[in-house]
Amino acid sequence: MIMGLGMALTEGSTLDPAFGDFPECDLASYHVPANADVPAVEAHWIDEDDTHLNPMGSKGVGEIGIVGTAAAIGNAVHHATGVRCRELPLTPDRILAGLPVAG
């Protein structure tokens, strides 16, 4: 879930057109959520045996938590601001660009 939070809010990479590489080459410029950025998260797993999946009945859950996180945050931003962003991360400049001009 935390990786999805980073994907939605902070993790963005740009392509340098002159050199064809990414300027965000380390954690100083590619921002991932840290402990202080994330509230307490409680995950509950529901055990379900699936003997047809494999002999052990085991399932992978590594990236499943990422899938809905960015969409949920995007929907929350849309609900709060009326702005529907179609690009991640949902940075303040992208949200402000979608707001109607006051006048």
N, C-alpha and C. Protein backbone atom coordinates (compact mmCIF):
# COMPACT_ATOMS: atom_id res chain seq x y z
N MET A 1 0.82 -1.19 0.00
CA MET A 1 0.00 0.00 0.00
C MET A 1 0.87 1.25 0.00
N ILE A 2 2.01 1.19 0.69
CA ILE A 2 2.88 2.36 0.75
C ILE A 2 3.50 2.65 -0.62
N MET A 3 3.81 1.61 -1.36
CA MET A 3 4.33 1.83 -2.72
C MET A 3 3.28 2.51 -3.59
N GLY A 4 2.03 2.15 -3.42
CA GLY A 4 0.95 2.81 -4.15
C GLY A 4 0.79 4.26 -3.75
N LEU A 5 1.00 4.55 -2.46
CA LEU A 5 0.96 5.93 -1.97
C LEU A 5 2.06 6.75 -2.63
N GLY A 6 3.26 6.19 -2.70
CA GLY A 6 4.36 6.87 -3.37
C GLY A 6 4.09 7.09 -4.84
N MET A 7 3.55 6.07 -5.50
CA MET A 7 3.22 6.18 -6.92
C MET A 7 2.21 7.30 -7.15
N ALA A 8 1.25 7.44 -6.24
CA ALA A 8 0.20 8.43 -6.40
C ALA A 8 0.66 9.85 -6.09
N LEU A 9 1.54 10.01 -5.12
CA LEU A 9 1.83 11.36 -4.62
C LEU A 9 3.24 11.88 -4.85
N THR A 10 4.25 11.04 -4.84
CA THR A 10 5.61 11.58 -4.84
C THR A 10 6.52 11.05 -5.93
N GLU A 11 6.32 9.83 -6.37
CA GLU A 11 7.29 9.21 -7.27
C GLU A 11 7.01 9.58 -8.72
N GLY A 12 7.88 10.39 -9.26
CA GLY A 12 7.75 10.79 -10.65
C GLY A 12 9.11 10.84 -11.30
N SER A 13 9.19 10.46 -12.54
CA SER A 13 10.47 10.53 -13.24
C SER A 13 10.26 11.25 -14.56
N THR A 14 11.27 11.97 -14.94
CA THR A 14 11.23 12.72 -16.19
C THR A 14 12.36 12.23 -17.09
N LEU A 15 12.20 12.42 -18.35
CA LEU A 15 13.21 12.01 -19.31
C LEU A 15 13.95 13.24 -19.81
N ASP A 16 15.26 13.20 -19.71
CA ASP A 16 16.09 14.29 -20.22
C ASP A 16 16.18 14.14 -21.74
N PRO A 17 15.59 15.08 -22.50
CA PRO A 17 15.58 14.92 -23.96
C PRO A 17 16.97 15.02 -24.60
N ALA A 18 17.89 15.70 -23.94
CA ALA A 18 19.22 15.87 -24.52
C ALA A 18 20.04 14.59 -24.41
N PHE A 19 19.92 13.90 -23.28
CA PHE A 19 20.77 12.73 -23.05
C PHE A 19 20.00 11.41 -23.03
N GLY A 20 18.67 11.48 -22.93
CA GLY A 20 17.87 10.26 -22.94
C GLY A 20 17.92 9.46 -21.65
N ASP A 21 18.31 10.10 -20.56
CA ASP A 21 18.34 9.40 -19.28
C ASP A 21 17.40 10.08 -18.30
N PHE A 22 17.35 9.56 -17.10
CA PHE A 22 16.46 10.08 -16.07
C PHE A 22 17.27 10.89 -15.05
N PRO A 23 16.94 12.17 -14.86
CA PRO A 23 17.66 12.98 -13.87
C PRO A 23 17.47 12.47 -12.44
N GLU A 24 16.36 11.79 -12.17
CA GLU A 24 16.09 11.27 -10.83
C GLU A 24 16.81 9.94 -10.67
N CYS A 25 18.12 10.00 -10.49
CA CYS A 25 18.92 8.77 -10.50
C CYS A 25 19.22 8.23 -9.11
N ASP A 26 18.79 8.92 -8.06
CA ASP A 26 19.03 8.43 -6.70
C ASP A 26 17.90 8.89 -5.79
N LEU A 27 17.95 8.48 -4.53
CA LEU A 27 16.87 8.81 -3.60
C LEU A 27 16.90 10.26 -3.13
N ALA A 28 17.91 11.02 -3.53
CA ALA A 28 17.92 12.45 -3.22
C ALA A 28 16.95 13.20 -4.13
N SER A 29 16.74 12.69 -5.33
CA SER A 29 15.85 13.37 -6.27
C SER A 29 14.60 12.56 -6.62
N TYR A 30 14.60 11.26 -6.34
CA TYR A 30 13.42 10.42 -6.56
C TYR A 30 12.82 10.14 -5.19
N HIS A 31 11.72 10.80 -4.90
CA HIS A 31 11.18 10.78 -3.54
C HIS A 31 10.20 9.63 -3.33
N VAL A 32 10.50 8.83 -2.32
CA VAL A 32 9.61 7.74 -1.91
C VAL A 32 9.10 8.07 -0.51
N PRO A 33 7.93 7.58 -0.15
CA PRO A 33 7.40 7.88 1.19
C PRO A 33 8.32 7.33 2.29
N ALA A 34 8.50 8.13 3.30
CA ALA A 34 9.27 7.72 4.47
C ALA A 34 8.31 7.44 5.62
N ASN A 35 8.84 6.94 6.71
CA ASN A 35 8.02 6.60 7.88
C ASN A 35 7.13 7.75 8.32
N ALA A 36 7.67 8.96 8.33
CA ALA A 36 6.91 10.12 8.82
C ALA A 36 5.79 10.52 7.85
N ASP A 37 5.84 10.06 6.62
CA ASP A 37 4.83 10.42 5.62
C ASP A 37 3.59 9.54 5.67
N VAL A 38 3.68 8.44 6.39
CA VAL A 38 2.64 7.41 6.31
C VAL A 38 1.98 7.20 7.67
N PRO A 39 0.66 7.27 7.71
CA PRO A 39 -0.02 6.96 8.98
C PRO A 39 0.05 5.46 9.26
N ALA A 40 -0.37 5.09 10.43
CA ALA A 40 -0.39 3.67 10.78
C ALA A 40 -1.32 2.93 9.81
N VAL A 41 -0.84 1.83 9.29
CA VAL A 41 -1.61 1.03 8.34
C VAL A 41 -1.86 -0.34 8.96
N GLU A 42 -3.08 -0.77 8.89
CA GLU A 42 -3.43 -2.08 9.42
C GLU A 42 -4.00 -2.91 8.28
N ALA A 43 -3.36 -4.00 7.97
CA ALA A 43 -3.81 -4.87 6.88
C ALA A 43 -4.37 -6.16 7.47
N HIS A 44 -5.45 -6.60 6.92
CA HIS A 44 -6.09 -7.85 7.36
C HIS A 44 -6.11 -8.82 6.19
N TRP A 45 -5.63 -10.01 6.42
CA TRP A 45 -5.60 -11.03 5.38
C TRP A 45 -6.68 -12.05 5.66
N ILE A 46 -7.35 -12.45 4.63
CA ILE A 46 -8.39 -13.46 4.74
C ILE A 46 -7.82 -14.76 4.17
N ASP A 47 -7.67 -15.75 5.03
CA ASP A 47 -7.14 -17.03 4.58
C ASP A 47 -8.18 -17.77 3.75
N GLU A 48 -7.75 -18.23 2.62
CA GLU A 48 -8.63 -18.98 1.73
C GLU A 48 -7.79 -20.04 1.04
N ASP A 49 -8.11 -21.27 1.25
CA ASP A 49 -7.37 -22.35 0.61
C ASP A 49 -7.80 -22.49 -0.84
N ASP A 50 -6.82 -22.63 -1.71
CA ASP A 50 -7.09 -22.86 -3.12
C ASP A 50 -6.19 -23.99 -3.58
N THR A 51 -6.66 -25.19 -3.47
CA THR A 51 -5.84 -26.36 -3.81
C THR A 51 -5.62 -26.49 -5.31
N HIS A 52 -6.39 -25.79 -6.13
CA HIS A 52 -6.22 -25.85 -7.58
C HIS A 52 -5.14 -24.89 -8.07
N LEU A 53 -4.74 -23.94 -7.24
CA LEU A 53 -3.76 -22.94 -7.65
C LEU A 53 -2.38 -23.55 -7.83
N ASN A 54 -1.91 -24.25 -6.82
CA ASN A 54 -0.63 -24.95 -6.87
C ASN A 54 -0.64 -26.01 -5.76
N PRO A 55 0.33 -26.89 -5.73
CA PRO A 55 0.29 -27.97 -4.74
C PRO A 55 0.27 -27.48 -3.28
N MET A 56 0.85 -26.32 -3.02
CA MET A 56 0.89 -25.82 -1.64
C MET A 56 -0.33 -24.97 -1.30
N GLY A 57 -1.06 -24.53 -2.31
CA GLY A 57 -2.21 -23.66 -2.06
C GLY A 57 -1.82 -22.23 -1.73
N SER A 58 -0.59 -21.86 -2.02
CA SER A 58 -0.11 -20.52 -1.66
C SER A 58 -0.42 -19.52 -2.77
N LYS A 59 -0.50 -18.26 -2.37
CA LYS A 59 -0.78 -17.17 -3.31
C LYS A 59 0.21 -16.04 -3.06
N GLY A 60 0.53 -15.31 -4.09
CA GLY A 60 1.38 -14.13 -3.95
C GLY A 60 0.54 -12.90 -3.68
N VAL A 61 0.99 -12.06 -2.77
CA VAL A 61 0.25 -10.83 -2.46
C VAL A 61 1.16 -9.61 -2.54
N GLY A 62 2.33 -9.73 -3.13
CA GLY A 62 3.31 -8.66 -3.11
C GLY A 62 2.84 -7.34 -3.67
N GLU A 63 2.27 -7.32 -4.86
CA GLU A 63 1.92 -6.05 -5.49
C GLU A 63 0.42 -5.78 -5.52
N ILE A 64 -0.36 -6.63 -4.92
CA ILE A 64 -1.81 -6.44 -4.96
C ILE A 64 -2.22 -5.16 -4.24
N GLY A 65 -1.53 -4.80 -3.18
CA GLY A 65 -1.87 -3.59 -2.44
C GLY A 65 -1.61 -2.30 -3.19
N ILE A 66 -0.79 -2.36 -4.22
CA ILE A 66 -0.47 -1.16 -5.00
C ILE A 66 -1.63 -0.78 -5.92
N VAL A 67 -2.34 -1.76 -6.40
CA VAL A 67 -3.30 -1.57 -7.48
C VAL A 67 -4.34 -0.50 -7.17
N GLY A 68 -5.00 -0.58 -6.05
CA GLY A 68 -6.10 0.34 -5.77
C GLY A 68 -5.71 1.62 -5.08
N THR A 69 -4.49 1.70 -4.55
CA THR A 69 -4.11 2.86 -3.74
C THR A 69 -4.11 4.15 -4.55
N ALA A 70 -3.44 4.16 -5.68
CA ALA A 70 -3.37 5.38 -6.48
C ALA A 70 -4.75 5.80 -6.98
N ALA A 71 -5.57 4.82 -7.35
CA ALA A 71 -6.92 5.14 -7.81
C ALA A 71 -7.76 5.73 -6.69
N ALA A 72 -7.63 5.18 -5.48
CA ALA A 72 -8.38 5.71 -4.34
C ALA A 72 -7.95 7.13 -4.01
N ILE A 73 -6.66 7.40 -4.06
CA ILE A 73 -6.17 8.75 -3.79
C ILE A 73 -6.62 9.70 -4.89
N GLY A 74 -6.55 9.26 -6.14
CA GLY A 74 -7.02 10.08 -7.25
C GLY A 74 -8.50 10.41 -7.12
N ASN A 75 -9.30 9.44 -6.72
CA ASN A 75 -10.73 9.69 -6.51
C ASN A 75 -10.96 10.63 -5.34
N ALA A 76 -10.15 10.53 -4.29
CA ALA A 76 -10.29 11.44 -3.14
C ALA A 76 -9.95 12.87 -3.55
N VAL A 77 -8.90 13.03 -4.36
CA VAL A 77 -8.54 14.37 -4.86
C VAL A 77 -9.68 14.92 -5.72
N HIS A 78 -10.23 14.09 -6.58
CA HIS A 78 -11.34 14.52 -7.43
C HIS A 78 -12.55 14.91 -6.58
N HIS A 79 -12.85 14.13 -5.58
CA HIS A 79 -13.99 14.43 -4.71
C HIS A 79 -13.79 15.74 -3.95
N ALA A 80 -12.54 16.00 -3.52
CA ALA A 80 -12.26 17.20 -2.74
C ALA A 80 -12.14 18.46 -3.59
N THR A 81 -11.65 18.32 -4.83
CA THR A 81 -11.35 19.51 -5.63
C THR A 81 -12.17 19.62 -6.91
N GLY A 82 -12.72 18.52 -7.37
CA GLY A 82 -13.41 18.51 -8.65
C GLY A 82 -12.47 18.33 -9.83
N VAL A 83 -11.17 18.17 -9.55
CA VAL A 83 -10.17 18.01 -10.60
C VAL A 83 -9.90 16.53 -10.79
N ARG A 84 -10.02 16.06 -12.02
CA ARG A 84 -9.71 14.67 -12.35
C ARG A 84 -8.35 14.65 -13.02
N CYS A 85 -7.34 14.20 -12.31
CA CYS A 85 -5.98 14.10 -12.86
C CYS A 85 -5.81 12.72 -13.49
N ARG A 86 -5.21 12.68 -14.66
CA ARG A 86 -5.00 11.42 -15.37
C ARG A 86 -3.53 11.03 -15.41
N GLU A 87 -2.66 11.81 -14.75
CA GLU A 87 -1.24 11.50 -14.70
C GLU A 87 -0.79 11.43 -13.26
N LEU A 88 0.13 10.52 -13.00
CA LEU A 88 0.72 10.40 -11.67
C LEU A 88 2.15 10.89 -11.73
N PRO A 89 2.66 11.43 -10.65
CA PRO A 89 2.04 11.63 -9.35
C PRO A 89 1.10 12.83 -9.35
N LEU A 90 0.21 12.83 -8.38
CA LEU A 90 -0.77 13.91 -8.23
C LEU A 90 -0.11 15.06 -7.47
N THR A 91 0.66 15.84 -8.19
CA THR A 91 1.40 16.94 -7.57
C THR A 91 0.51 18.18 -7.48
N PRO A 92 0.82 19.08 -6.56
CA PRO A 92 0.02 20.31 -6.43
C PRO A 92 -0.08 21.10 -7.74
N ASP A 93 1.00 21.18 -8.51
CA ASP A 93 0.93 21.95 -9.76
C ASP A 93 -0.04 21.32 -10.76
N ARG A 94 -0.12 20.01 -10.80
CA ARG A 94 -1.07 19.36 -11.71
C ARG A 94 -2.51 19.58 -11.26
N ILE A 95 -2.72 19.55 -9.96
CA ILE A 95 -4.08 19.78 -9.43
C ILE A 95 -4.48 21.23 -9.64
N LEU A 96 -3.58 22.17 -9.35
CA LEU A 96 -3.89 23.59 -9.53
C LEU A 96 -4.16 23.91 -11.00
N ALA A 97 -3.45 23.25 -11.91
CA ALA A 97 -3.66 23.49 -13.34
C ALA A 97 -5.06 23.05 -13.77
N GLY A 98 -5.65 22.12 -13.06
CA GLY A 98 -6.97 21.64 -13.41
C GLY A 98 -8.11 22.44 -12.81
N LEU A 99 -7.80 23.32 -11.86
CA LEU A 99 -8.84 24.13 -11.22
C LEU A 99 -9.31 25.22 -12.17
N PRO A 100 -10.59 25.57 -12.12
CA PRO A 100 -11.07 26.66 -12.97
C PRO A 100 -10.47 28.00 -12.54
N VAL A 101 -10.27 28.87 -13.49
CA VAL A 101 -9.71 30.19 -13.21
C VAL A 101 -10.78 31.04 -12.53
N ALA A 102 -10.40 31.66 -11.40
CA ALA A 102 -11.35 32.52 -10.68
C ALA A 102 -11.55 33.80 -11.47
N GLY A 103 -12.76 34.29 -11.46
CA GLY A 103 -12.95 35.52 -12.21
C GLY A 103 -14.32 35.98 -12.29
